[in-house]
Amino acid sequence: MGWKAAQKLIRNWKILRGDNVMIIRGKDKGETGTVKRVVRSQNRVIVEGKNLVKKHIKQGQGHEGGIFTVEAPLHVSNVQVVDPVTGKPCKVGIRYLEDGGKVRVARGIGASGAIIPRPEILKIRTTPRPAAPGPKDTVMEFVLEKTYNSKTGEGMPNL
């Protein structure tokens, strides 16, 4: 990727994995679907069951070849989040609640201003956290071991 392309990368993403979006440009214009994957390095999203293309895959070791139908990524400017109240595409804004919580709201012409909830799928981790300590985890005894005494200055490195 060139430096100009890197400058145009979206820093604050408002479309998340699991959002209900409507395609506003392209061959699937007007159709809605769920965001399956967000490719942040290319400013693209993959919508479940939309923008289908045929892929010719050569046969290799461990897999068969043939013609497969796969979902191609769409540029993020070609999709908009669906307003949960009106069911129309809208822009996404951010508001802060009285308790300090941050929420996404529907904004734009004809938008209801309703809160767009975060998708439930984001709460599920793709790779589960390990329950048992691994070989690179620090043992708790070493973590709790006191190595510096503030009164005597013992344990302070000589800099």
N, C-alpha and C. Protein backbone atom coordinates (compact mmCIF):
# COMPACT_ATOMS: atom_id res chain seq x y z
N MET A 1 0.84 -1.17 0.00
CA MET A 1 0.00 0.00 0.00
C MET A 1 0.89 1.24 0.00
N GLY A 2 0.55 2.18 -0.84
CA GLY A 2 1.31 3.42 -0.92
C GLY A 2 0.96 4.36 0.22
N TRP A 3 1.71 5.43 0.36
CA TRP A 3 1.48 6.35 1.48
C TRP A 3 0.20 7.14 1.28
N LYS A 4 -0.20 7.40 0.01
CA LYS A 4 -1.46 8.12 -0.22
C LYS A 4 -2.66 7.26 0.17
N ALA A 5 -2.58 5.97 -0.16
CA ALA A 5 -3.66 5.06 0.21
C ALA A 5 -3.75 4.91 1.72
N ALA A 6 -2.61 4.91 2.39
CA ALA A 6 -2.59 4.79 3.84
C ALA A 6 -3.19 6.02 4.51
N GLN A 7 -3.08 7.18 3.87
CA GLN A 7 -3.66 8.40 4.43
C GLN A 7 -5.18 8.35 4.41
N LYS A 8 -5.75 7.61 3.45
CA LYS A 8 -7.19 7.58 3.29
C LYS A 8 -7.85 6.47 4.10
N LEU A 9 -7.11 5.74 4.91
CA LEU A 9 -7.71 4.71 5.75
C LEU A 9 -8.60 5.35 6.81
N ILE A 10 -9.72 4.71 7.08
CA ILE A 10 -10.66 5.22 8.07
C ILE A 10 -10.09 4.96 9.46
N ARG A 11 -10.05 6.01 10.27
CA ARG A 11 -9.51 5.85 11.62
C ARG A 11 -10.61 5.50 12.63
N ASN A 12 -11.76 6.14 12.53
CA ASN A 12 -12.86 5.90 13.46
C ASN A 12 -13.98 5.17 12.72
N TRP A 13 -14.03 3.86 12.88
CA TRP A 13 -15.01 3.05 12.19
C TRP A 13 -16.36 3.14 12.88
N LYS A 14 -17.41 3.35 12.08
CA LYS A 14 -18.76 3.42 12.62
C LYS A 14 -19.57 2.20 12.22
N ILE A 15 -19.08 1.43 11.23
CA ILE A 15 -19.73 0.18 10.84
C ILE A 15 -18.96 -0.95 11.49
N LEU A 16 -19.67 -1.80 12.24
CA LEU A 16 -19.04 -2.87 12.99
C LEU A 16 -19.50 -4.23 12.48
N ARG A 17 -18.74 -5.25 12.81
CA ARG A 17 -19.12 -6.62 12.46
C ARG A 17 -20.44 -6.96 13.15
N GLY A 18 -21.40 -7.47 12.39
CA GLY A 18 -22.70 -7.81 12.95
C GLY A 18 -23.76 -6.74 12.73
N ASP A 19 -23.39 -5.58 12.19
CA ASP A 19 -24.36 -4.52 11.92
C ASP A 19 -25.26 -4.90 10.77
N ASN A 20 -26.50 -4.41 10.80
CA ASN A 20 -27.44 -4.58 9.71
C ASN A 20 -27.25 -3.38 8.79
N VAL A 21 -26.82 -3.63 7.53
CA VAL A 21 -26.51 -2.56 6.59
C VAL A 21 -27.31 -2.71 5.31
N MET A 22 -27.47 -1.57 4.60
CA MET A 22 -28.10 -1.58 3.28
C MET A 22 -27.05 -1.16 2.26
N ILE A 23 -27.02 -1.88 1.15
CA ILE A 23 -26.09 -1.56 0.07
C ILE A 23 -26.71 -0.43 -0.74
N ILE A 24 -25.99 0.69 -0.89
CA ILE A 24 -26.55 1.86 -1.55
C ILE A 24 -26.02 2.05 -2.97
N ARG A 25 -25.00 1.29 -3.37
CA ARG A 25 -24.47 1.36 -4.74
C ARG A 25 -24.03 -0.02 -5.18
N GLY A 26 -24.08 -0.25 -6.49
CA GLY A 26 -23.60 -1.51 -7.04
C GLY A 26 -24.73 -2.41 -7.50
N LYS A 27 -24.38 -3.64 -7.83
CA LYS A 27 -25.38 -4.55 -8.41
C LYS A 27 -26.42 -5.01 -7.40
N ASP A 28 -26.11 -4.97 -6.10
CA ASP A 28 -27.05 -5.37 -5.06
C ASP A 28 -27.69 -4.16 -4.37
N LYS A 29 -27.81 -3.04 -5.08
CA LYS A 29 -28.32 -1.80 -4.50
C LYS A 29 -29.73 -2.01 -3.92
N GLY A 30 -29.94 -1.51 -2.70
CA GLY A 30 -31.24 -1.59 -2.04
C GLY A 30 -31.42 -2.82 -1.17
N GLU A 31 -30.50 -3.77 -1.23
CA GLU A 31 -30.62 -4.98 -0.42
C GLU A 31 -29.94 -4.78 0.93
N THR A 32 -30.47 -5.46 1.95
CA THR A 32 -29.90 -5.37 3.29
C THR A 32 -29.26 -6.70 3.66
N GLY A 33 -28.30 -6.63 4.56
CA GLY A 33 -27.62 -7.82 5.04
C GLY A 33 -26.80 -7.51 6.27
N THR A 34 -26.19 -8.54 6.81
CA THR A 34 -25.38 -8.40 8.02
C THR A 34 -23.91 -8.36 7.64
N VAL A 35 -23.15 -7.49 8.29
CA VAL A 35 -21.72 -7.41 8.03
C VAL A 35 -21.05 -8.64 8.63
N LYS A 36 -20.41 -9.41 7.77
CA LYS A 36 -19.75 -10.65 8.17
C LYS A 36 -18.33 -10.37 8.66
N ARG A 37 -17.65 -9.45 7.97
CA ARG A 37 -16.25 -9.17 8.29
C ARG A 37 -15.93 -7.74 7.89
N VAL A 38 -15.06 -7.09 8.65
CA VAL A 38 -14.60 -5.74 8.34
C VAL A 38 -13.11 -5.83 8.03
N VAL A 39 -12.72 -5.39 6.82
CA VAL A 39 -11.31 -5.40 6.40
C VAL A 39 -10.81 -3.96 6.52
N ARG A 40 -10.27 -3.62 7.68
CA ARG A 40 -9.90 -2.23 7.95
C ARG A 40 -8.70 -1.77 7.13
N SER A 41 -7.82 -2.68 6.72
CA SER A 41 -6.64 -2.30 5.96
C SER A 41 -6.99 -1.86 4.54
N GLN A 42 -8.21 -2.17 4.07
CA GLN A 42 -8.62 -1.80 2.72
C GLN A 42 -9.89 -0.95 2.69
N ASN A 43 -10.41 -0.55 3.86
CA ASN A 43 -11.67 0.22 3.97
C ASN A 43 -12.84 -0.54 3.35
N ARG A 44 -12.90 -1.85 3.57
CA ARG A 44 -13.94 -2.67 2.95
C ARG A 44 -14.67 -3.52 3.97
N VAL A 45 -15.90 -3.93 3.62
CA VAL A 45 -16.69 -4.83 4.46
C VAL A 45 -17.22 -5.96 3.59
N ILE A 46 -17.43 -7.12 4.21
CA ILE A 46 -18.04 -8.25 3.52
C ILE A 46 -19.42 -8.43 4.12
N VAL A 47 -20.46 -8.33 3.25
CA VAL A 47 -21.84 -8.46 3.69
C VAL A 47 -22.30 -9.88 3.38
N GLU A 48 -22.94 -10.50 4.35
CA GLU A 48 -23.35 -11.89 4.25
C GLU A 48 -24.35 -12.11 3.11
N GLY A 49 -23.98 -12.94 2.13
CA GLY A 49 -24.87 -13.30 1.03
C GLY A 49 -25.02 -12.26 -0.05
N LYS A 50 -24.24 -11.19 -0.03
CA LYS A 50 -24.35 -10.12 -1.03
C LYS A 50 -23.04 -9.97 -1.78
N ASN A 51 -23.11 -9.32 -2.96
CA ASN A 51 -21.96 -9.09 -3.83
C ASN A 51 -21.25 -10.41 -4.17
N LEU A 52 -22.03 -11.39 -4.60
CA LEU A 52 -21.49 -12.71 -4.90
C LEU A 52 -20.78 -12.69 -6.24
N VAL A 53 -19.61 -13.32 -6.28
CA VAL A 53 -18.83 -13.45 -7.51
C VAL A 53 -18.38 -14.90 -7.65
N LYS A 54 -18.09 -15.30 -8.90
CA LYS A 54 -17.62 -16.65 -9.17
C LYS A 54 -16.10 -16.66 -9.09
N LYS A 55 -15.55 -17.64 -8.39
CA LYS A 55 -14.10 -17.80 -8.26
C LYS A 55 -13.70 -19.12 -8.89
N HIS A 56 -12.71 -19.10 -9.76
CA HIS A 56 -12.16 -20.32 -10.34
C HIS A 56 -10.96 -20.72 -9.50
N ILE A 57 -11.05 -21.88 -8.86
CA ILE A 57 -9.98 -22.32 -7.98
C ILE A 57 -9.37 -23.60 -8.54
N LYS A 58 -8.06 -23.61 -8.65
CA LYS A 58 -7.32 -24.75 -9.18
C LYS A 58 -7.26 -25.86 -8.13
N GLN A 59 -7.24 -27.08 -8.60
CA GLN A 59 -7.13 -28.21 -7.68
C GLN A 59 -5.71 -28.27 -7.11
N GLY A 60 -5.61 -28.58 -5.84
CA GLY A 60 -4.31 -28.69 -5.19
C GLY A 60 -4.34 -29.80 -4.16
N GLN A 61 -3.26 -29.90 -3.39
CA GLN A 61 -3.21 -30.92 -2.36
C GLN A 61 -4.20 -30.58 -1.25
N GLY A 62 -5.07 -31.53 -0.96
CA GLY A 62 -6.00 -31.37 0.15
C GLY A 62 -7.30 -30.67 -0.19
N HIS A 63 -7.46 -30.14 -1.41
CA HIS A 63 -8.73 -29.51 -1.77
C HIS A 63 -9.01 -29.72 -3.26
N GLU A 64 -10.29 -29.70 -3.57
CA GLU A 64 -10.71 -29.88 -4.96
C GLU A 64 -10.83 -28.53 -5.63
N GLY A 65 -10.68 -28.54 -6.95
CA GLY A 65 -10.83 -27.32 -7.72
C GLY A 65 -12.24 -27.17 -8.22
N GLY A 66 -12.51 -26.09 -8.91
CA GLY A 66 -13.82 -25.86 -9.49
C GLY A 66 -14.19 -24.39 -9.47
N ILE A 67 -15.45 -24.12 -9.74
CA ILE A 67 -15.98 -22.76 -9.74
C ILE A 67 -16.85 -22.60 -8.50
N PHE A 68 -16.46 -21.67 -7.64
CA PHE A 68 -17.18 -21.45 -6.39
C PHE A 68 -17.75 -20.04 -6.37
N THR A 69 -18.87 -19.87 -5.69
CA THR A 69 -19.48 -18.55 -5.49
C THR A 69 -19.08 -18.05 -4.11
N VAL A 70 -18.43 -16.90 -4.07
CA VAL A 70 -17.97 -16.33 -2.79
C VAL A 70 -18.44 -14.88 -2.69
N GLU A 71 -18.44 -14.35 -1.45
CA GLU A 71 -18.82 -12.96 -1.20
C GLU A 71 -17.58 -12.09 -1.37
N ALA A 72 -17.67 -11.11 -2.24
CA ALA A 72 -16.57 -10.18 -2.45
C ALA A 72 -16.74 -8.98 -1.53
N PRO A 73 -15.63 -8.36 -1.12
CA PRO A 73 -15.74 -7.19 -0.25
C PRO A 73 -16.30 -5.96 -1.00
N LEU A 74 -17.05 -5.17 -0.27
CA LEU A 74 -17.59 -3.90 -0.77
C LEU A 74 -16.87 -2.76 -0.09
N HIS A 75 -16.68 -1.64 -0.81
CA HIS A 75 -16.08 -0.48 -0.17
C HIS A 75 -17.07 0.07 0.86
N VAL A 76 -16.55 0.57 1.96
CA VAL A 76 -17.40 1.00 3.08
C VAL A 76 -18.30 2.18 2.68
N SER A 77 -17.92 2.94 1.66
CA SER A 77 -18.76 4.06 1.22
C SER A 77 -20.00 3.59 0.48
N ASN A 78 -20.05 2.32 0.09
CA ASN A 78 -21.19 1.78 -0.65
C ASN A 78 -22.23 1.12 0.25
N VAL A 79 -22.03 1.16 1.55
CA VAL A 79 -23.00 0.60 2.49
C VAL A 79 -23.31 1.63 3.57
N GLN A 80 -24.55 1.56 4.11
CA GLN A 80 -24.94 2.41 5.23
C GLN A 80 -25.70 1.58 6.24
N VAL A 81 -25.55 1.92 7.50
CA VAL A 81 -26.25 1.22 8.58
C VAL A 81 -27.75 1.51 8.48
N VAL A 82 -28.56 0.49 8.75
CA VAL A 82 -30.01 0.64 8.69
C VAL A 82 -30.52 1.18 10.02
N ASP A 83 -31.37 2.23 9.93
CA ASP A 83 -31.98 2.82 11.12
C ASP A 83 -32.91 1.78 11.76
N PRO A 84 -32.76 1.47 13.06
CA PRO A 84 -33.60 0.44 13.67
C PRO A 84 -35.08 0.79 13.75
N VAL A 85 -35.43 2.08 13.68
CA VAL A 85 -36.83 2.49 13.79
C VAL A 85 -37.49 2.58 12.41
N THR A 86 -36.86 3.31 11.47
CA THR A 86 -37.47 3.53 10.16
C THR A 86 -37.14 2.44 9.16
N GLY A 87 -36.05 1.74 9.33
CA GLY A 87 -35.65 0.70 8.37
C GLY A 87 -34.99 1.26 7.13
N LYS A 88 -34.62 2.54 7.14
CA LYS A 88 -33.96 3.17 6.01
C LYS A 88 -32.48 3.35 6.32
N PRO A 89 -31.63 3.48 5.28
CA PRO A 89 -30.21 3.70 5.55
C PRO A 89 -29.99 5.08 6.16
N CYS A 90 -29.01 5.17 7.05
CA CYS A 90 -28.72 6.43 7.73
C CYS A 90 -27.24 6.51 8.06
N LYS A 91 -26.81 7.71 8.40
CA LYS A 91 -25.44 7.90 8.89
C LYS A 91 -25.41 7.57 10.37
N VAL A 92 -24.21 7.36 10.88
CA VAL A 92 -24.05 7.01 12.29
C VAL A 92 -23.33 8.13 13.00
N GLY A 93 -23.93 8.60 14.09
CA GLY A 93 -23.32 9.62 14.93
C GLY A 93 -23.04 9.04 16.31
N ILE A 94 -22.31 9.78 17.10
CA ILE A 94 -21.96 9.31 18.45
C ILE A 94 -22.44 10.33 19.45
N ARG A 95 -23.11 9.85 20.51
CA ARG A 95 -23.59 10.72 21.59
C ARG A 95 -23.14 10.14 22.91
N TYR A 96 -23.06 11.00 23.90
CA TYR A 96 -22.72 10.57 25.25
C TYR A 96 -23.97 10.69 26.12
N LEU A 97 -24.23 9.66 26.90
CA LEU A 97 -25.37 9.66 27.81
C LEU A 97 -25.03 10.43 29.08
N GLU A 98 -26.05 10.67 29.94
CA GLU A 98 -25.83 11.39 31.19
C GLU A 98 -24.87 10.65 32.10
N ASP A 99 -24.90 9.30 32.06
CA ASP A 99 -24.01 8.52 32.93
C ASP A 99 -22.60 8.40 32.36
N GLY A 100 -22.33 9.02 31.20
CA GLY A 100 -21.00 9.00 30.61
C GLY A 100 -20.79 7.91 29.58
N GLY A 101 -21.80 7.08 29.34
CA GLY A 101 -21.68 6.01 28.34
C GLY A 101 -21.76 6.56 26.93
N LYS A 102 -21.05 5.92 26.01
CA LYS A 102 -21.01 6.35 24.62
C LYS A 102 -21.91 5.43 23.80
N VAL A 103 -22.81 6.00 22.98
CA VAL A 103 -23.72 5.21 22.16
C VAL A 103 -23.70 5.74 20.72
N ARG A 104 -24.10 4.86 19.79
CA ARG A 104 -24.22 5.24 18.39
C ARG A 104 -25.68 5.61 18.13
N VAL A 105 -25.90 6.70 17.40
CA VAL A 105 -27.26 7.14 17.09
C VAL A 105 -27.41 7.31 15.58
N ALA A 106 -28.66 7.13 15.11
CA ALA A 106 -28.98 7.33 13.70
C ALA A 106 -29.11 8.82 13.43
N ARG A 107 -28.45 9.30 12.37
CA ARG A 107 -28.54 10.71 12.03
C ARG A 107 -28.63 10.87 10.52
N GLY A 108 -29.03 12.02 10.08
CA GLY A 108 -29.20 12.30 8.66
C GLY A 108 -30.63 12.69 8.35
N ILE A 109 -30.91 12.91 7.06
CA ILE A 109 -32.25 13.33 6.63
C ILE A 109 -33.20 12.14 6.78
N GLY A 110 -34.29 12.33 7.49
CA GLY A 110 -35.28 11.28 7.66
C GLY A 110 -34.91 10.24 8.70
N ALA A 111 -33.81 10.44 9.41
CA ALA A 111 -33.40 9.48 10.45
C ALA A 111 -34.17 9.77 11.73
N SER A 112 -34.36 8.72 12.53
CA SER A 112 -35.16 8.85 13.74
C SER A 112 -34.36 9.39 14.93
N GLY A 113 -33.05 9.31 14.87
CA GLY A 113 -32.23 9.73 16.01
C GLY A 113 -32.18 8.67 17.10
N ALA A 114 -32.64 7.45 16.78
CA ALA A 114 -32.67 6.37 17.77
C ALA A 114 -31.27 5.81 18.00
N ILE A 115 -31.11 5.17 19.13
CA ILE A 115 -29.83 4.54 19.48
C ILE A 115 -29.67 3.26 18.66
N ILE A 116 -28.51 3.12 18.02
CA ILE A 116 -28.17 1.90 17.28
C ILE A 116 -27.36 1.02 18.23
N PRO A 117 -27.91 -0.12 18.66
CA PRO A 117 -27.18 -0.94 19.63
C PRO A 117 -25.96 -1.63 19.02
N ARG A 118 -24.97 -1.87 19.88
CA ARG A 118 -23.80 -2.63 19.43
C ARG A 118 -24.22 -4.07 19.17
N PRO A 119 -23.72 -4.70 18.10
CA PRO A 119 -24.11 -6.08 17.80
C PRO A 119 -23.68 -7.05 18.89
N GLU A 120 -24.54 -8.03 19.14
CA GLU A 120 -24.27 -9.04 20.17
C GLU A 120 -23.06 -9.90 19.83
N ILE A 121 -22.78 -10.06 18.53
CA ILE A 121 -21.69 -10.93 18.09
C ILE A 121 -20.33 -10.39 18.54
N LEU A 122 -20.24 -9.09 18.82
CA LEU A 122 -18.97 -8.51 19.27
C LEU A 122 -18.60 -8.96 20.68
N LYS A 123 -19.61 -9.40 21.45
CA LYS A 123 -19.33 -9.85 22.81
C LYS A 123 -18.71 -11.24 22.84
N ILE A 124 -18.84 -11.98 21.73
CA ILE A 124 -18.28 -13.32 21.64
C ILE A 124 -16.88 -13.21 21.05
N ARG A 125 -15.90 -13.73 21.77
CA ARG A 125 -14.53 -13.69 21.28
C ARG A 125 -14.32 -14.76 20.22
N THR A 126 -13.57 -14.41 19.18
CA THR A 126 -13.29 -15.38 18.13
C THR A 126 -12.29 -16.42 18.62
N THR A 127 -11.33 -16.00 19.46
CA THR A 127 -10.39 -16.94 20.07
C THR A 127 -10.60 -16.88 21.58
N PRO A 128 -11.04 -17.97 22.19
CA PRO A 128 -11.31 -17.92 23.63
C PRO A 128 -10.03 -17.71 24.44
N ARG A 129 -10.20 -17.04 25.58
CA ARG A 129 -9.06 -16.82 26.47
C ARG A 129 -8.69 -18.14 27.15
N PRO A 130 -7.40 -18.42 27.27
CA PRO A 130 -7.02 -19.68 27.93
C PRO A 130 -7.32 -19.63 29.42
N ALA A 131 -7.90 -20.72 29.95
CA ALA A 131 -8.26 -20.79 31.36
C ALA A 131 -7.04 -21.15 32.21
N ALA A 132 -6.21 -22.06 31.72
CA ALA A 132 -5.03 -22.50 32.47
C ALA A 132 -3.82 -21.65 32.06
N PRO A 133 -2.92 -21.37 33.01
CA PRO A 133 -1.72 -20.60 32.65
C PRO A 133 -0.83 -21.37 31.68
N GLY A 134 -0.29 -20.64 30.72
CA GLY A 134 0.56 -21.25 29.71
C GLY A 134 2.02 -21.15 30.09
N PRO A 135 2.92 -21.60 29.20
CA PRO A 135 4.36 -21.59 29.51
C PRO A 135 4.94 -20.18 29.59
N LYS A 136 4.32 -19.20 28.94
CA LYS A 136 4.85 -17.83 28.95
C LYS A 136 4.18 -16.95 30.00
N ASP A 137 3.23 -17.49 30.76
CA ASP A 137 2.57 -16.72 31.80
C ASP A 137 3.46 -16.65 33.05
N THR A 138 3.46 -15.47 33.71
CA THR A 138 4.24 -15.29 34.92
C THR A 138 3.51 -15.92 36.10
N VAL A 139 4.28 -16.66 36.91
CA VAL A 139 3.70 -17.32 38.08
C VAL A 139 3.31 -16.25 39.10
N MET A 140 2.17 -16.44 39.78
CA MET A 140 1.64 -15.44 40.70
C MET A 140 2.59 -15.14 41.86
N GLU A 141 3.37 -16.11 42.29
CA GLU A 141 4.32 -15.89 43.39
C GLU A 141 5.35 -14.82 43.02
N PHE A 142 5.81 -14.83 41.76
CA PHE A 142 6.78 -13.83 41.32
C PHE A 142 6.14 -12.46 41.18
N VAL A 143 4.88 -12.43 40.83
CA VAL A 143 4.17 -11.15 40.68
C VAL A 143 4.01 -10.48 42.04
N LEU A 144 3.68 -11.24 43.06
CA LEU A 144 3.43 -10.68 44.38
C LEU A 144 4.70 -10.48 45.20
N GLU A 145 5.84 -10.96 44.72
CA GLU A 145 7.09 -10.84 45.46
C GLU A 145 7.52 -9.37 45.53
N LYS A 146 7.83 -8.90 46.75
CA LYS A 146 8.21 -7.51 46.96
C LYS A 146 9.71 -7.38 46.69
N THR A 147 10.06 -6.50 45.74
CA THR A 147 11.47 -6.36 45.36
C THR A 147 12.06 -5.01 45.71
N TYR A 148 11.24 -4.06 46.17
CA TYR A 148 11.74 -2.73 46.48
C TYR A 148 11.18 -2.28 47.82
N ASN A 149 12.07 -1.76 48.67
CA ASN A 149 11.69 -1.22 49.97
C ASN A 149 11.89 0.29 49.91
N SER A 150 10.81 1.06 50.06
CA SER A 150 10.90 2.51 49.90
C SER A 150 11.61 3.18 51.07
N LYS A 151 11.58 2.57 52.26
CA LYS A 151 12.21 3.20 53.42
C LYS A 151 13.72 3.08 53.37
N THR A 152 14.24 1.92 53.03
CA THR A 152 15.68 1.70 53.00
C THR A 152 16.26 1.93 51.62
N GLY A 153 15.44 1.96 50.59
CA GLY A 153 15.94 2.13 49.21
C GLY A 153 16.51 0.84 48.67
N GLU A 154 16.25 -0.25 49.35
CA GLU A 154 16.78 -1.56 48.96
C GLU A 154 16.06 -2.07 47.70
N GLY A 155 16.81 -2.55 46.74
CA GLY A 155 16.23 -3.09 45.52
C GLY A 155 16.23 -2.08 44.38
N MET A 156 16.67 -0.85 44.65
CA MET A 156 16.71 0.18 43.61
C MET A 156 17.95 -0.04 42.74
N PRO A 157 17.77 -0.04 41.40
CA PRO A 157 18.94 -0.24 40.54
C PRO A 157 19.84 0.99 40.54
N ASN A 158 21.13 0.77 40.37
CA ASN A 158 22.10 1.87 40.31
C ASN A 158 22.13 2.42 38.89
N LEU A 159 21.55 3.59 38.71
CA LEU A 159 21.50 4.17 37.36
C LEU A 159 22.57 5.20 37.17
